[in-house]
N, C-alpha and C. Protein backbone atom coordinates (compact mmCIF):
# COMPACT_ATOMS: atom_id res chain seq x y z
N MET A 1 78.40 80.96 -142.39
CA MET A 1 78.22 80.35 -141.07
C MET A 1 76.74 80.18 -140.81
N ALA A 2 76.34 79.00 -140.46
CA ALA A 2 74.94 78.71 -140.25
C ALA A 2 74.35 79.57 -139.15
N GLY A 3 73.19 80.11 -139.43
CA GLY A 3 72.49 80.90 -138.42
C GLY A 3 73.04 82.29 -138.23
N HIS A 4 74.02 82.67 -139.06
CA HIS A 4 74.64 83.97 -138.90
C HIS A 4 73.87 85.04 -139.66
N THR A 5 73.60 86.14 -139.01
CA THR A 5 72.96 87.29 -139.65
C THR A 5 73.90 88.47 -139.56
N THR A 6 74.12 89.13 -140.69
CA THR A 6 75.01 90.28 -140.71
C THR A 6 74.49 91.36 -139.78
N ARG A 7 75.37 91.85 -138.92
CA ARG A 7 75.02 92.96 -138.03
C ARG A 7 75.63 94.23 -138.59
N SER A 8 74.81 95.25 -138.71
CA SER A 8 75.25 96.50 -139.33
C SER A 8 75.41 97.60 -138.29
N LEU A 9 76.35 98.49 -138.57
CA LEU A 9 76.53 99.71 -137.79
C LEU A 9 76.42 100.89 -138.73
N VAL A 10 75.57 101.84 -138.39
CA VAL A 10 75.38 103.04 -139.20
C VAL A 10 76.11 104.21 -138.54
N ILE A 11 77.04 104.80 -139.26
CA ILE A 11 77.68 106.03 -138.79
C ILE A 11 76.68 107.16 -138.99
N SER A 12 76.34 107.85 -137.93
CA SER A 12 75.27 108.84 -138.06
C SER A 12 75.63 110.19 -137.48
N ASP A 13 75.20 111.23 -138.19
CA ASP A 13 75.27 112.59 -137.66
C ASP A 13 73.88 113.21 -137.60
N GLY A 14 72.86 112.36 -137.70
CA GLY A 14 71.48 112.84 -137.58
C GLY A 14 70.90 113.45 -138.83
N SER A 15 71.57 113.30 -139.95
CA SER A 15 71.14 113.91 -141.21
C SER A 15 70.07 113.08 -141.89
N LEU A 16 69.59 113.58 -143.02
CA LEU A 16 68.59 112.85 -143.79
C LEU A 16 69.14 111.53 -144.32
N ALA A 17 70.37 111.56 -144.83
CA ALA A 17 70.99 110.33 -145.33
C ALA A 17 71.14 109.30 -144.22
N ALA A 18 71.52 109.75 -143.03
CA ALA A 18 71.69 108.83 -141.91
C ALA A 18 70.34 108.25 -141.48
N LEU A 19 69.30 109.06 -141.50
CA LEU A 19 67.96 108.57 -141.18
C LEU A 19 67.53 107.47 -142.15
N VAL A 20 67.75 107.71 -143.44
CA VAL A 20 67.40 106.71 -144.45
C VAL A 20 68.21 105.44 -144.24
N ALA A 21 69.47 105.58 -143.87
CA ALA A 21 70.31 104.41 -143.62
C ALA A 21 69.79 103.59 -142.45
N CYS A 22 69.34 104.26 -141.41
CA CYS A 22 68.78 103.56 -140.25
C CYS A 22 67.54 102.76 -140.65
N ALA A 23 66.70 103.38 -141.46
CA ALA A 23 65.50 102.68 -141.94
C ALA A 23 65.88 101.48 -142.78
N ALA A 24 66.92 101.63 -143.59
CA ALA A 24 67.33 100.55 -144.49
C ALA A 24 67.89 99.35 -143.75
N VAL A 25 68.71 99.59 -142.72
CA VAL A 25 69.27 98.44 -142.00
C VAL A 25 68.19 97.72 -141.19
N ARG A 26 67.21 98.48 -140.71
CA ARG A 26 66.09 97.85 -140.01
C ARG A 26 65.29 96.97 -140.96
N GLU A 27 65.01 97.48 -142.16
CA GLU A 27 64.26 96.71 -143.15
C GLU A 27 65.04 95.47 -143.56
N SER A 28 66.35 95.61 -143.70
CA SER A 28 67.19 94.47 -144.06
C SER A 28 67.16 93.39 -142.98
N LEU A 29 67.16 93.82 -141.73
CA LEU A 29 67.10 92.88 -140.62
C LEU A 29 65.79 92.10 -140.64
N ILE A 30 64.71 92.80 -140.86
CA ILE A 30 63.39 92.15 -140.91
C ILE A 30 63.34 91.16 -142.08
N ALA A 31 63.87 91.58 -143.22
CA ALA A 31 63.85 90.73 -144.41
C ALA A 31 64.68 89.47 -144.25
N SER A 32 65.68 89.53 -143.38
CA SER A 32 66.55 88.37 -143.16
C SER A 32 65.89 87.28 -142.32
N GLY A 33 64.72 87.59 -141.77
CA GLY A 33 64.03 86.62 -140.94
C GLY A 33 64.56 86.57 -139.52
N ALA A 34 65.21 87.62 -139.09
CA ALA A 34 65.77 87.66 -137.75
C ALA A 34 64.68 87.59 -136.69
N ASP A 35 65.04 87.07 -135.52
CA ASP A 35 64.09 87.00 -134.41
C ASP A 35 64.60 87.85 -133.25
N GLU A 36 63.93 87.73 -132.10
CA GLU A 36 64.26 88.58 -130.96
C GLU A 36 65.65 88.30 -130.39
N LYS A 37 66.24 87.17 -130.76
CA LYS A 37 67.57 86.82 -130.26
C LYS A 37 68.68 87.39 -131.15
N THR A 38 68.30 87.88 -132.31
CA THR A 38 69.29 88.43 -133.23
C THR A 38 69.78 89.79 -132.74
N PRO A 39 71.10 89.98 -132.66
CA PRO A 39 71.61 91.30 -132.24
C PRO A 39 71.08 92.41 -133.14
N ARG A 40 70.67 93.50 -132.53
CA ARG A 40 70.10 94.60 -133.29
C ARG A 40 71.19 95.40 -133.98
N PRO A 41 70.87 96.03 -135.11
CA PRO A 41 71.84 96.95 -135.73
C PRO A 41 72.17 98.07 -134.75
N ILE A 42 73.26 98.74 -135.05
CA ILE A 42 73.76 99.80 -134.16
C ILE A 42 73.83 101.11 -134.93
N VAL A 43 73.46 102.19 -134.26
CA VAL A 43 73.69 103.51 -134.83
C VAL A 43 74.76 104.18 -133.97
N LEU A 44 75.79 104.68 -134.62
CA LEU A 44 76.95 105.26 -133.95
C LEU A 44 76.86 106.77 -134.00
N PHE A 45 76.72 107.38 -132.84
CA PHE A 45 76.67 108.84 -132.78
C PHE A 45 78.06 109.40 -133.00
N THR A 46 78.20 110.22 -134.03
CA THR A 46 79.49 110.81 -134.37
C THR A 46 79.42 112.32 -134.24
N PRO A 47 79.84 112.87 -133.12
CA PRO A 47 79.77 114.32 -132.92
C PRO A 47 80.62 115.06 -133.94
N VAL A 48 80.17 116.23 -134.33
CA VAL A 48 80.90 117.02 -135.31
C VAL A 48 81.68 118.16 -134.67
N GLY A 49 81.64 118.23 -133.35
CA GLY A 49 82.49 119.17 -132.64
C GLY A 49 82.05 120.61 -132.67
N ASP A 50 80.75 120.86 -132.79
CA ASP A 50 80.27 122.24 -132.76
C ASP A 50 78.94 122.32 -132.03
N GLU A 51 78.28 123.47 -132.16
CA GLU A 51 77.06 123.70 -131.38
C GLU A 51 75.87 122.85 -131.82
N THR A 52 76.02 122.12 -132.92
CA THR A 52 74.92 121.28 -133.41
C THR A 52 74.91 119.90 -132.76
N ASN A 53 75.89 119.58 -131.96
CA ASN A 53 76.00 118.23 -131.39
C ASN A 53 74.75 117.80 -130.63
N HIS A 54 74.20 118.70 -129.82
CA HIS A 54 73.04 118.33 -129.01
C HIS A 54 71.85 117.99 -129.90
N ALA A 55 71.60 118.81 -130.90
CA ALA A 55 70.48 118.55 -131.81
C ALA A 55 70.67 117.25 -132.56
N ARG A 56 71.90 116.97 -132.92
CA ARG A 56 72.20 115.73 -133.64
C ARG A 56 71.97 114.52 -132.73
N ARG A 57 72.42 114.61 -131.49
CA ARG A 57 72.23 113.49 -130.57
C ARG A 57 70.76 113.22 -130.33
N VAL A 58 69.99 114.27 -130.12
CA VAL A 58 68.55 114.10 -129.90
C VAL A 58 67.91 113.40 -131.10
N ALA A 59 68.30 113.82 -132.31
CA ALA A 59 67.75 113.21 -133.52
C ALA A 59 68.13 111.73 -133.60
N ILE A 60 69.38 111.42 -133.33
CA ILE A 60 69.84 110.04 -133.44
C ILE A 60 69.16 109.15 -132.41
N GLU A 61 68.94 109.68 -131.22
CA GLU A 61 68.21 108.91 -130.21
C GLU A 61 66.81 108.56 -130.71
N LYS A 62 66.17 109.51 -131.40
CA LYS A 62 64.84 109.26 -131.96
C LYS A 62 64.90 108.18 -133.05
N HIS A 63 65.92 108.27 -133.89
CA HIS A 63 66.08 107.29 -134.97
C HIS A 63 66.28 105.89 -134.39
N ALA A 64 67.12 105.81 -133.37
CA ALA A 64 67.40 104.51 -132.75
C ALA A 64 66.14 103.91 -132.13
N LYS A 65 65.37 104.74 -131.47
CA LYS A 65 64.14 104.26 -130.84
C LYS A 65 63.12 103.83 -131.88
N LEU A 66 62.96 104.64 -132.92
CA LEU A 66 61.96 104.35 -133.96
C LEU A 66 62.25 103.04 -134.67
N TYR A 67 63.51 102.83 -135.02
CA TYR A 67 63.87 101.65 -135.80
C TYR A 67 64.44 100.51 -134.95
N GLU A 68 64.32 100.64 -133.64
CA GLU A 68 64.76 99.60 -132.71
C GLU A 68 66.23 99.22 -132.93
N LEU A 69 67.08 100.23 -132.91
CA LEU A 69 68.51 100.06 -133.06
C LEU A 69 69.19 100.32 -131.73
N ASP A 70 70.32 99.68 -131.52
CA ASP A 70 71.15 100.03 -130.38
C ASP A 70 71.92 101.31 -130.73
N MET A 71 72.15 102.15 -129.75
CA MET A 71 72.90 103.38 -129.99
C MET A 71 74.14 103.41 -129.12
N VAL A 72 75.27 103.75 -129.73
CA VAL A 72 76.51 103.86 -128.99
C VAL A 72 77.21 105.16 -129.39
N ASP A 73 78.07 105.62 -128.50
CA ASP A 73 78.87 106.80 -128.81
C ASP A 73 80.19 106.36 -129.43
N ALA A 74 80.72 107.18 -130.30
CA ALA A 74 82.02 106.91 -130.89
C ALA A 74 83.08 106.89 -129.78
N THR A 75 84.06 106.02 -129.94
CA THR A 75 85.10 105.91 -128.92
C THR A 75 86.17 106.98 -129.05
N ALA A 76 86.10 107.74 -130.14
CA ALA A 76 87.09 108.79 -130.37
C ALA A 76 86.41 109.94 -131.09
N ASP A 77 87.17 111.02 -131.29
CA ASP A 77 86.65 112.18 -132.02
C ASP A 77 86.47 111.79 -133.48
N LEU A 78 85.21 111.68 -133.91
CA LEU A 78 84.93 111.22 -135.27
C LEU A 78 84.45 112.32 -136.18
N ARG A 79 84.84 113.53 -135.93
CA ARG A 79 84.47 114.57 -136.88
C ARG A 79 85.08 114.23 -138.24
N GLY A 80 84.27 114.17 -139.24
CA GLY A 80 84.79 113.83 -140.56
C GLY A 80 83.93 112.84 -141.31
N PRO A 81 83.71 111.60 -140.78
CA PRO A 81 83.00 110.63 -141.61
C PRO A 81 81.52 110.58 -141.38
N GLY A 82 80.94 111.68 -140.91
CA GLY A 82 79.49 111.71 -140.77
C GLY A 82 78.83 111.74 -142.13
N ALA A 83 77.55 111.81 -142.15
CA ALA A 83 76.85 111.76 -143.43
C ALA A 83 77.19 112.96 -144.32
N HIS A 84 77.64 114.07 -143.71
CA HIS A 84 78.03 115.24 -144.50
C HIS A 84 79.26 114.94 -145.33
N GLY A 85 80.15 114.12 -144.80
CA GLY A 85 81.18 113.51 -145.61
C GLY A 85 82.46 114.27 -145.89
N VAL A 86 82.48 115.59 -145.79
CA VAL A 86 83.66 116.31 -146.24
C VAL A 86 84.35 117.11 -145.14
N THR A 87 83.76 117.19 -143.97
CA THR A 87 84.34 117.98 -142.90
C THR A 87 85.63 117.36 -142.40
N GLY A 88 86.63 118.18 -142.13
CA GLY A 88 87.84 117.69 -141.48
C GLY A 88 88.96 117.32 -142.43
N GLY A 89 88.74 117.29 -143.72
CA GLY A 89 89.79 116.95 -144.66
C GLY A 89 90.00 115.45 -144.79
N GLY A 90 90.77 115.08 -145.81
CA GLY A 90 90.96 113.67 -146.13
C GLY A 90 91.60 112.86 -145.03
N LEU A 91 92.67 113.38 -144.42
CA LEU A 91 93.35 112.63 -143.37
C LEU A 91 92.43 112.38 -142.19
N HIS A 92 91.74 113.42 -141.75
CA HIS A 92 90.84 113.27 -140.61
C HIS A 92 89.73 112.28 -140.94
N GLN A 93 89.21 112.39 -142.15
CA GLN A 93 88.14 111.47 -142.56
C GLN A 93 88.60 110.03 -142.53
N THR A 94 89.80 109.78 -143.06
CA THR A 94 90.32 108.42 -143.12
C THR A 94 90.53 107.85 -141.73
N LEU A 95 91.18 108.62 -140.86
CA LEU A 95 91.45 108.14 -139.51
C LEU A 95 90.16 107.90 -138.74
N ALA A 96 89.19 108.78 -138.93
CA ALA A 96 87.91 108.63 -138.24
C ALA A 96 87.15 107.41 -138.75
N LEU A 97 87.20 107.18 -140.05
CA LEU A 97 86.52 106.03 -140.63
C LEU A 97 87.16 104.73 -140.16
N ILE A 98 88.48 104.73 -140.04
CA ILE A 98 89.18 103.55 -139.50
C ILE A 98 88.71 103.29 -138.08
N THR A 99 88.67 104.33 -137.26
CA THR A 99 88.24 104.18 -135.87
C THR A 99 86.83 103.62 -135.78
N ALA A 100 85.93 104.16 -136.59
CA ALA A 100 84.54 103.69 -136.57
C ALA A 100 84.45 102.23 -137.00
N THR A 101 85.24 101.85 -138.00
CA THR A 101 85.20 100.48 -138.50
C THR A 101 85.74 99.49 -137.47
N TYR A 102 86.81 99.86 -136.81
CA TYR A 102 87.35 98.97 -135.78
C TYR A 102 86.41 98.89 -134.58
N GLN A 103 85.74 99.98 -134.27
CA GLN A 103 84.75 99.94 -133.20
C GLN A 103 83.60 99.03 -133.59
N ALA A 104 83.18 99.11 -134.85
CA ALA A 104 82.11 98.24 -135.34
C ALA A 104 82.51 96.77 -135.20
N ALA A 105 83.73 96.46 -135.57
CA ALA A 105 84.21 95.07 -135.45
C ALA A 105 84.18 94.61 -134.00
N ALA A 106 84.61 95.48 -133.09
CA ALA A 106 84.61 95.13 -131.67
C ALA A 106 83.20 94.89 -131.15
N LEU A 107 82.22 95.51 -131.79
CA LEU A 107 80.82 95.36 -131.38
C LEU A 107 80.13 94.20 -132.11
N GLY A 108 80.91 93.46 -132.89
CA GLY A 108 80.35 92.29 -133.57
C GLY A 108 79.66 92.57 -134.87
N CYS A 109 80.01 93.67 -135.50
CA CYS A 109 79.37 94.05 -136.77
C CYS A 109 80.20 93.59 -137.97
N ASP A 110 79.51 93.19 -139.01
CA ASP A 110 80.15 92.77 -140.25
C ASP A 110 80.05 93.84 -141.33
N GLN A 111 79.21 94.83 -141.10
CA GLN A 111 78.97 95.86 -142.11
C GLN A 111 78.91 97.23 -141.44
N VAL A 112 79.61 98.18 -142.04
CA VAL A 112 79.55 99.58 -141.62
C VAL A 112 78.87 100.35 -142.74
N VAL A 113 77.80 101.05 -142.41
CA VAL A 113 77.12 101.88 -143.40
C VAL A 113 77.56 103.32 -143.16
N TRP A 114 78.25 103.86 -144.14
CA TRP A 114 78.70 105.25 -144.10
C TRP A 114 77.77 106.04 -145.02
N PRO A 115 76.75 106.70 -144.49
CA PRO A 115 75.75 107.34 -145.33
C PRO A 115 76.17 108.71 -145.84
N VAL A 116 77.38 108.78 -146.32
CA VAL A 116 77.89 110.03 -146.87
C VAL A 116 77.17 110.31 -148.18
N GLN A 117 76.83 111.58 -148.40
CA GLN A 117 76.14 111.99 -149.63
C GLN A 117 76.75 113.30 -150.09
N ILE A 118 77.39 113.28 -151.24
CA ILE A 118 78.02 114.49 -151.75
C ILE A 118 76.97 115.54 -152.05
N GLY A 119 75.84 115.11 -152.62
CA GLY A 119 74.68 115.98 -152.76
C GLY A 119 74.75 116.97 -153.90
N GLY A 120 73.79 117.90 -153.86
CA GLY A 120 73.63 118.87 -154.93
C GLY A 120 72.72 118.33 -156.02
N GLN A 121 72.58 119.11 -157.07
CA GLN A 121 71.74 118.68 -158.19
C GLN A 121 72.41 117.57 -159.00
N SER A 122 73.75 117.64 -159.08
CA SER A 122 74.51 116.64 -159.81
C SER A 122 75.83 116.44 -159.07
N PRO A 123 75.93 115.39 -158.24
CA PRO A 123 77.12 115.18 -157.41
C PRO A 123 78.41 115.15 -158.21
N ASP A 124 79.43 115.77 -157.66
CA ASP A 124 80.74 115.81 -158.29
C ASP A 124 81.33 114.40 -158.34
N LEU A 125 81.63 113.92 -159.53
CA LEU A 125 82.07 112.54 -159.70
C LEU A 125 83.42 112.27 -159.03
N GLU A 126 84.29 113.26 -159.04
CA GLU A 126 85.59 113.07 -158.40
C GLU A 126 85.43 112.90 -156.89
N SER A 127 84.55 113.69 -156.30
CA SER A 127 84.30 113.58 -154.86
C SER A 127 83.67 112.23 -154.52
N VAL A 128 82.74 111.79 -155.36
CA VAL A 128 82.11 110.48 -155.14
C VAL A 128 83.15 109.38 -155.23
N ALA A 129 84.05 109.47 -156.20
CA ALA A 129 85.09 108.45 -156.37
C ALA A 129 86.01 108.40 -155.16
N ARG A 130 86.33 109.57 -154.59
CA ARG A 130 87.19 109.58 -153.40
C ARG A 130 86.52 108.90 -152.22
N VAL A 131 85.21 109.15 -152.06
CA VAL A 131 84.46 108.50 -150.98
C VAL A 131 84.51 106.99 -151.13
N ILE A 132 84.24 106.52 -152.33
CA ILE A 132 84.21 105.08 -152.58
C ILE A 132 85.61 104.47 -152.39
N ASP A 133 86.62 105.13 -152.93
CA ASP A 133 87.98 104.63 -152.78
C ASP A 133 88.39 104.57 -151.32
N ARG A 134 88.02 105.60 -150.56
CA ARG A 134 88.37 105.63 -149.14
C ARG A 134 87.72 104.46 -148.40
N SER A 135 86.46 104.21 -148.70
CA SER A 135 85.75 103.12 -148.03
C SER A 135 86.35 101.76 -148.38
N VAL A 136 86.75 101.59 -149.63
CA VAL A 136 87.36 100.33 -150.07
C VAL A 136 88.71 100.12 -149.39
N LEU A 137 89.52 101.16 -149.32
CA LEU A 137 90.85 101.04 -148.73
C LEU A 137 90.78 100.79 -147.23
N VAL A 138 89.85 101.45 -146.54
CA VAL A 138 89.70 101.22 -145.11
C VAL A 138 89.16 99.81 -144.85
N THR A 139 88.28 99.34 -145.72
CA THR A 139 87.80 97.96 -145.61
C THR A 139 88.96 96.98 -145.69
N ARG A 140 89.84 97.20 -146.66
CA ARG A 140 91.00 96.30 -146.81
C ARG A 140 91.92 96.37 -145.60
N LEU A 141 92.11 97.58 -145.09
CA LEU A 141 92.96 97.75 -143.92
C LEU A 141 92.38 97.00 -142.72
N ALA A 142 91.09 97.15 -142.49
CA ALA A 142 90.45 96.48 -141.35
C ALA A 142 90.52 94.96 -141.49
N SER A 143 90.43 94.48 -142.73
CA SER A 143 90.46 93.03 -142.93
C SER A 143 91.82 92.44 -142.58
N LEU A 144 92.88 93.25 -142.65
CA LEU A 144 94.21 92.77 -142.29
C LEU A 144 94.28 92.34 -140.83
N ASP A 145 93.47 92.98 -139.99
CA ASP A 145 93.47 92.69 -138.56
C ASP A 145 92.29 91.82 -138.16
N GLY A 146 91.75 91.09 -139.12
CA GLY A 146 90.60 90.24 -138.84
C GLY A 146 90.85 89.21 -137.77
N VAL A 147 92.07 88.71 -137.70
CA VAL A 147 92.41 87.72 -136.66
C VAL A 147 92.29 88.35 -135.28
N ASP A 148 92.63 89.64 -135.19
CA ASP A 148 92.58 90.33 -133.89
C ASP A 148 91.15 90.69 -133.49
N HIS A 149 90.39 91.28 -134.42
CA HIS A 149 89.05 91.75 -134.03
C HIS A 149 87.93 90.76 -134.35
N GLY A 150 88.25 89.69 -135.07
CA GLY A 150 87.26 88.64 -135.29
C GLY A 150 86.26 88.88 -136.40
N ARG A 151 86.46 89.93 -137.19
CA ARG A 151 85.54 90.23 -138.29
C ARG A 151 86.34 90.44 -139.57
N PRO A 152 86.97 89.37 -140.10
CA PRO A 152 87.82 89.52 -141.29
C PRO A 152 87.07 89.95 -142.54
N ALA A 153 85.77 89.74 -142.57
CA ALA A 153 84.98 90.09 -143.75
C ALA A 153 84.22 91.40 -143.58
N ILE A 154 84.58 92.17 -142.57
CA ILE A 154 83.87 93.44 -142.36
C ILE A 154 84.05 94.34 -143.58
N ARG A 155 83.00 95.07 -143.91
CA ARG A 155 83.04 95.92 -145.09
C ARG A 155 82.32 97.24 -144.82
N ILE A 156 82.68 98.23 -145.59
CA ILE A 156 82.05 99.55 -145.50
C ILE A 156 81.22 99.79 -146.74
N GLU A 157 79.97 100.18 -146.54
CA GLU A 157 79.08 100.48 -147.65
C GLU A 157 78.80 101.98 -147.71
N THR A 158 78.72 102.52 -148.92
CA THR A 158 78.41 103.94 -149.12
C THR A 158 77.24 104.04 -150.10
N PRO A 159 76.04 103.65 -149.68
CA PRO A 159 74.92 103.52 -150.62
C PRO A 159 74.38 104.80 -151.20
N TYR A 160 74.69 105.96 -150.59
CA TYR A 160 74.08 107.20 -151.05
C TYR A 160 75.09 108.21 -151.58
N ALA A 161 76.32 107.78 -151.74
CA ALA A 161 77.39 108.71 -152.11
C ALA A 161 77.11 109.45 -153.41
N ASP A 162 76.51 108.76 -154.38
CA ASP A 162 76.32 109.37 -155.69
C ASP A 162 74.90 109.88 -155.93
N LEU A 163 74.09 109.95 -154.88
CA LEU A 163 72.72 110.43 -155.05
C LEU A 163 72.66 111.95 -155.00
N SER A 164 71.85 112.52 -155.86
CA SER A 164 71.57 113.95 -155.79
C SER A 164 70.64 114.21 -154.62
N ASP A 165 70.48 115.47 -154.26
CA ASP A 165 69.54 115.81 -153.18
C ASP A 165 68.13 115.33 -153.52
N ARG A 166 67.74 115.51 -154.75
CA ARG A 166 66.39 115.10 -155.16
C ARG A 166 66.22 113.58 -155.05
N GLN A 167 67.22 112.84 -155.45
CA GLN A 167 67.13 111.38 -155.38
C GLN A 167 67.05 110.90 -153.94
N LEU A 168 67.85 111.50 -153.06
CA LEU A 168 67.81 111.09 -151.66
C LEU A 168 66.48 111.48 -151.03
N ALA A 169 65.99 112.68 -151.31
CA ALA A 169 64.71 113.11 -150.77
C ALA A 169 63.59 112.20 -151.26
N ASP A 170 63.64 111.82 -152.52
CA ASP A 170 62.63 110.92 -153.09
C ASP A 170 62.66 109.57 -152.39
N LEU A 171 63.86 109.08 -152.11
CA LEU A 171 64.00 107.81 -151.40
C LEU A 171 63.43 107.91 -149.99
N ALA A 172 63.72 109.00 -149.30
CA ALA A 172 63.21 109.19 -147.94
C ALA A 172 61.69 109.21 -147.92
N ILE A 173 61.09 109.88 -148.89
CA ILE A 173 59.64 109.93 -148.98
C ILE A 173 59.07 108.55 -149.31
N ASP A 174 59.74 107.84 -150.21
CA ASP A 174 59.27 106.53 -150.65
C ASP A 174 59.21 105.53 -149.51
N ILE A 175 60.17 105.60 -148.59
CA ILE A 175 60.18 104.66 -147.47
C ILE A 175 59.44 105.23 -146.25
N ASN A 176 58.82 106.38 -146.44
CA ASN A 176 58.04 107.01 -145.37
C ASN A 176 58.88 107.32 -144.14
N ALA A 177 60.08 107.79 -144.37
CA ALA A 177 60.96 108.16 -143.26
C ALA A 177 60.42 109.42 -142.58
N PRO A 178 60.50 109.49 -141.25
CA PRO A 178 60.01 110.67 -140.54
C PRO A 178 60.98 111.84 -140.69
N ILE A 179 60.87 112.54 -141.78
CA ILE A 179 61.85 113.56 -142.14
C ILE A 179 61.96 114.66 -141.09
N GLU A 180 60.88 114.92 -140.38
CA GLU A 180 60.93 115.95 -139.34
C GLU A 180 61.76 115.56 -138.12
N GLN A 181 62.33 114.35 -138.16
CA GLN A 181 63.20 113.91 -137.07
C GLN A 181 64.68 114.05 -137.39
N VAL A 182 65.02 114.67 -138.52
CA VAL A 182 66.43 114.94 -138.80
C VAL A 182 66.90 116.05 -137.86
N TRP A 183 68.20 116.15 -137.68
CA TRP A 183 68.73 117.05 -136.64
C TRP A 183 68.39 118.51 -136.89
N TRP A 184 68.33 118.91 -138.15
CA TRP A 184 68.20 120.34 -138.45
C TRP A 184 66.77 120.84 -138.43
N TRP A 185 65.79 119.96 -138.35
CA TRP A 185 64.40 120.40 -138.49
C TRP A 185 63.99 121.36 -137.37
N ASN A 186 63.99 120.89 -136.16
CA ASN A 186 63.60 121.75 -135.04
C ASN A 186 64.63 122.83 -134.75
N ALA A 187 65.91 122.48 -134.97
CA ALA A 187 66.97 123.45 -134.72
C ALA A 187 66.83 124.67 -135.62
N ALA A 188 66.40 124.46 -136.85
CA ALA A 188 66.22 125.59 -137.78
C ALA A 188 65.07 126.46 -137.35
N GLN A 189 63.99 125.85 -136.88
CA GLN A 189 62.82 126.61 -136.49
C GLN A 189 63.04 127.41 -135.21
N SER A 190 64.00 126.97 -134.41
CA SER A 190 64.30 127.71 -133.18
C SER A 190 65.05 129.00 -133.47
N GLY A 191 65.66 129.06 -134.67
CA GLY A 191 66.40 130.26 -135.05
C GLY A 191 67.75 130.39 -134.38
N LYS A 192 68.23 129.32 -133.74
CA LYS A 192 69.48 129.41 -132.99
C LYS A 192 70.67 128.78 -133.71
N SER A 193 70.43 128.20 -134.89
CA SER A 193 71.51 127.52 -135.60
C SER A 193 71.52 127.93 -137.06
N GLU A 194 72.60 128.58 -137.47
CA GLU A 194 72.75 128.96 -138.87
C GLU A 194 72.93 127.72 -139.75
N GLN A 195 73.64 126.73 -139.23
CA GLN A 195 73.83 125.49 -139.99
C GLN A 195 72.49 124.81 -140.27
N ALA A 196 71.66 124.75 -139.23
CA ALA A 196 70.35 124.12 -139.39
C ALA A 196 69.51 124.89 -140.40
N ALA A 197 69.58 126.22 -140.34
CA ALA A 197 68.82 127.05 -141.28
C ALA A 197 69.26 126.79 -142.71
N ARG A 198 70.55 126.62 -142.91
CA ARG A 198 71.06 126.33 -144.26
C ARG A 198 70.57 124.98 -144.74
N GLU A 199 70.55 123.99 -143.84
CA GLU A 199 70.07 122.67 -144.23
C GLU A 199 68.58 122.70 -144.59
N LEU A 200 67.81 123.46 -143.82
CA LEU A 200 66.39 123.60 -144.13
C LEU A 200 66.19 124.27 -145.49
N GLU A 201 66.96 125.30 -145.75
CA GLU A 201 66.87 125.99 -147.04
C GLU A 201 67.28 125.07 -148.19
N ARG A 202 68.20 124.17 -147.90
CA ARG A 202 68.65 123.23 -148.92
C ARG A 202 67.59 122.17 -149.23
N TRP A 203 67.00 121.60 -148.19
CA TRP A 203 66.16 120.43 -148.36
C TRP A 203 64.68 120.72 -148.53
N PHE A 204 64.18 121.76 -147.87
CA PHE A 204 62.73 121.97 -147.88
C PHE A 204 62.16 122.17 -149.28
N PRO A 205 62.77 123.00 -150.13
CA PRO A 205 62.23 123.16 -151.49
C PRO A 205 62.25 121.86 -152.28
N VAL A 206 63.31 121.06 -152.09
CA VAL A 206 63.40 119.79 -152.81
C VAL A 206 62.28 118.85 -152.37
N LEU A 207 62.08 118.77 -151.07
CA LEU A 207 61.02 117.91 -150.54
C LEU A 207 59.64 118.37 -151.01
N GLN A 208 59.42 119.68 -150.97
CA GLN A 208 58.14 120.22 -151.43
C GLN A 208 57.89 119.91 -152.90
N SER A 209 58.95 119.99 -153.71
CA SER A 209 58.81 119.74 -155.15
C SER A 209 58.41 118.30 -155.44
N LEU A 210 58.65 117.43 -154.47
CA LEU A 210 58.30 116.01 -154.62
C LEU A 210 56.95 115.70 -153.99
N GLY A 211 56.27 116.74 -153.53
CA GLY A 211 54.93 116.56 -152.97
C GLY A 211 54.87 116.33 -151.49
N TRP A 212 56.03 116.45 -150.81
CA TRP A 212 56.05 116.22 -149.36
C TRP A 212 55.69 117.51 -148.63
N SER A 213 54.97 117.36 -147.53
CA SER A 213 54.68 118.51 -146.68
C SER A 213 54.81 118.06 -145.24
N PRO A 214 55.25 118.93 -144.36
CA PRO A 214 55.44 118.55 -142.95
C PRO A 214 54.11 118.41 -142.24
N SER A 215 54.08 117.49 -141.29
CA SER A 215 52.88 117.38 -140.48
C SER A 215 52.74 118.61 -139.57
N ASN A 216 53.90 119.21 -139.26
CA ASN A 216 53.93 120.44 -138.49
C ASN A 216 53.85 121.62 -139.46
N LYS A 217 52.70 122.14 -139.70
CA LYS A 217 52.51 123.19 -140.71
C LYS A 217 53.24 124.48 -140.38
N LYS A 218 53.64 124.60 -139.13
CA LYS A 218 54.38 125.80 -138.72
C LYS A 218 55.63 125.98 -139.56
N ALA A 219 56.20 124.85 -140.03
CA ALA A 219 57.44 124.92 -140.77
C ALA A 219 57.26 125.31 -142.23
N ALA A 220 56.03 125.32 -142.70
CA ALA A 220 55.78 125.57 -144.12
C ALA A 220 56.30 126.93 -144.55
N SER A 221 56.32 127.88 -143.64
CA SER A 221 56.77 129.22 -143.99
C SER A 221 58.26 129.24 -144.35
N ALA A 222 58.99 128.17 -143.95
CA ALA A 222 60.43 128.13 -144.25
C ALA A 222 60.67 127.96 -145.75
N GLY A 223 59.68 127.42 -146.47
CA GLY A 223 59.85 127.24 -147.91
C GLY A 223 59.52 128.49 -148.66
């Protein structure tokens, strides 16, 4: 369609993968030659249903502002298809991904970015395959209702599913993503979130090994 620019929606839980995804859709928009009249990409806040929700929302608000994205709340309980990817089990994940995709279509989006990352030093291939299969099947399901929602070609992308922690961290550094704006950064330093502390323990050594250091030197002791 002449003059049409793909509008993307990023499912986000405020993680490193979600931050990278926000940067990527912004860069893609700029590369497409879009102007001020072009609808901005959307970042979808997906609460995970625990005490980390506030920290995640604060992080996502920062990501949206930094990359000039629109931010919306999920229309339903979307615990499951956040960037962490495995919470809630297969059924919950599938239903939540369907909900997010249909919401994206209603918002005029042609692409859903699901920044799920299995992670680790060497991602489990079976888990990666399930993520990809799930995204393909939900894409097909959503396309069946294209006449209703107006986005028959909507698709789900999982660009980071097979990346190791080191590969994702390297990508984040390469694009100069503000890593200190992920949800767990400040939450870990406050000492009030065990989940955030685990994420810091997971990512900080990897980032340091790639030559990254925080602008806030107070956090260096965490490594």
